Amino acid sequence: MKARFIDNEKIFFALLSDEITLYSLKEKRFLYKKQIGNYVFSTYALNQQKDKAAIGDESGSIKIIQTLTGRKINKIKGFNKD
């Protein structure tokens, strides 16, 4: 699991189950929880604005996600699974 603040009140999580979620500290609840793949999560990186995340898993593809909505906006294939 990996978590990062995307602003002062929201935390973006990626879980080993290849799910992503956004938690609001202000509302004290998860704003969404979405399955992004069927493999084990590896890692992710946020862009400077923290509005997009590039997520890697054992599938060998990178998913580009909007952090505020959880919407998948792109998929890049062809990476080594190791």
Protein backbone atom coordinates (compact mmCIF):
# COMPACT_ATOMS: atom_id res chain seq x y z
CA MET A 1 0.00 0.00 0.00
CA LYS A 2 1.13 3.55 -0.72
CA ALA A 3 -0.48 6.85 0.28
CA ARG A 4 0.20 10.51 -0.52
CA PHE A 5 -1.52 13.78 0.32
CA ILE A 6 -2.87 15.45 -2.82
CA ASP A 7 -3.91 18.58 -0.92
CA ASN A 8 -4.35 19.64 2.71
CA GLU A 9 -7.42 17.48 3.25
CA LYS A 10 -7.31 14.55 0.80
CA ILE A 11 -5.15 11.42 0.77
CA PHE A 12 -4.76 9.23 -2.33
CA PHE A 13 -4.18 5.51 -1.59
CA ALA A 14 -3.18 2.62 -3.82
CA LEU A 15 -3.78 -0.81 -2.28
CA LEU A 16 -2.05 -4.14 -2.90
CA SER A 17 -5.37 -5.41 -4.29
CA ASP A 18 -4.84 -3.01 -7.27
CA GLU A 19 -7.52 -0.65 -5.99
CA ILE A 20 -7.27 3.10 -5.58
CA THR A 21 -9.13 5.27 -3.13
CA LEU A 22 -9.36 8.89 -2.05
CA TYR A 23 -9.96 9.78 1.60
CA SER A 24 -11.24 13.15 2.81
CA LEU A 25 -9.96 14.21 6.23
CA LYS A 26 -12.58 16.96 6.35
CA GLU A 27 -15.51 14.62 5.65
CA LYS A 28 -13.89 11.64 7.44
CA ARG A 29 -14.87 9.24 4.66
CA PHE A 30 -13.63 7.65 1.45
CA LEU A 31 -14.77 9.66 -1.57
CA TYR A 32 -14.31 6.70 -3.94
CA LYS A 33 -12.79 3.23 -4.14
CA LYS A 34 -12.10 1.75 -7.58
CA GLN A 35 -10.53 -1.42 -8.92
CA ILE A 36 -7.99 -0.45 -11.60
CA GLY A 37 -6.64 -3.87 -12.53
CA ASN A 38 -6.55 -7.55 -11.66
CA TYR A 39 -2.92 -7.79 -10.56
CA VAL A 40 -0.88 -6.92 -7.48
CA PHE A 41 -0.10 -3.21 -7.11
CA SER A 42 3.59 -2.26 -7.43
CA THR A 43 3.98 1.52 -7.14
CA TYR A 44 2.74 4.90 -8.31
CA ALA A 45 3.98 8.43 -8.91
CA LEU A 46 2.05 11.70 -8.82
CA ASN A 47 2.59 14.58 -11.22
CA GLN A 48 3.57 17.98 -9.76
CA GLN A 49 -0.03 19.21 -9.67
CA LYS A 50 -1.05 15.97 -7.89
CA ASP A 51 -4.10 15.67 -10.13
CA LYS A 52 -2.80 12.58 -11.99
CA ALA A 53 -1.11 9.37 -10.89
CA ALA A 54 0.83 6.83 -12.96
CA ILE A 55 0.18 3.41 -11.41
CA GLY A 56 2.20 0.27 -12.07
CA ASP A 57 1.21 -3.29 -11.27
CA GLU A 58 2.29 -6.80 -12.23
CA SER A 59 0.35 -6.60 -15.52
CA GLY A 60 3.23 -4.74 -17.17
CA SER A 61 1.09 -1.73 -18.06
CA ILE A 62 0.96 1.75 -16.53
CA LYS A 63 -2.45 3.24 -15.81
CA ILE A 64 -2.85 7.03 -15.73
CA ILE A 65 -5.55 8.03 -13.25
CA GLN A 66 -7.19 11.32 -12.27
CA THR A 67 -6.65 11.44 -8.51
CA LEU A 68 -9.78 13.46 -7.64
CA THR A 69 -12.20 11.18 -9.50
CA GLY A 70 -10.38 7.84 -9.87
CA ARG A 71 -11.14 7.89 -13.59
CA LYS A 72 -8.66 6.01 -15.81
CA ILE A 73 -7.55 8.40 -18.56
CA ASN A 74 -4.81 6.38 -20.28
CA LYS A 75 -3.03 3.02 -20.32
CA ILE A 76 0.54 2.51 -21.47
CA LYS A 77 1.51 -1.05 -22.40
CA GLY A 78 4.80 -2.82 -23.03
CA PHE A 79 6.74 -2.57 -19.76
CA ASN A 80 8.74 -5.42 -18.29
CA LYS A 81 6.75 -7.07 -15.49
CA ASP A 82 9.85 -7.50 -13.32
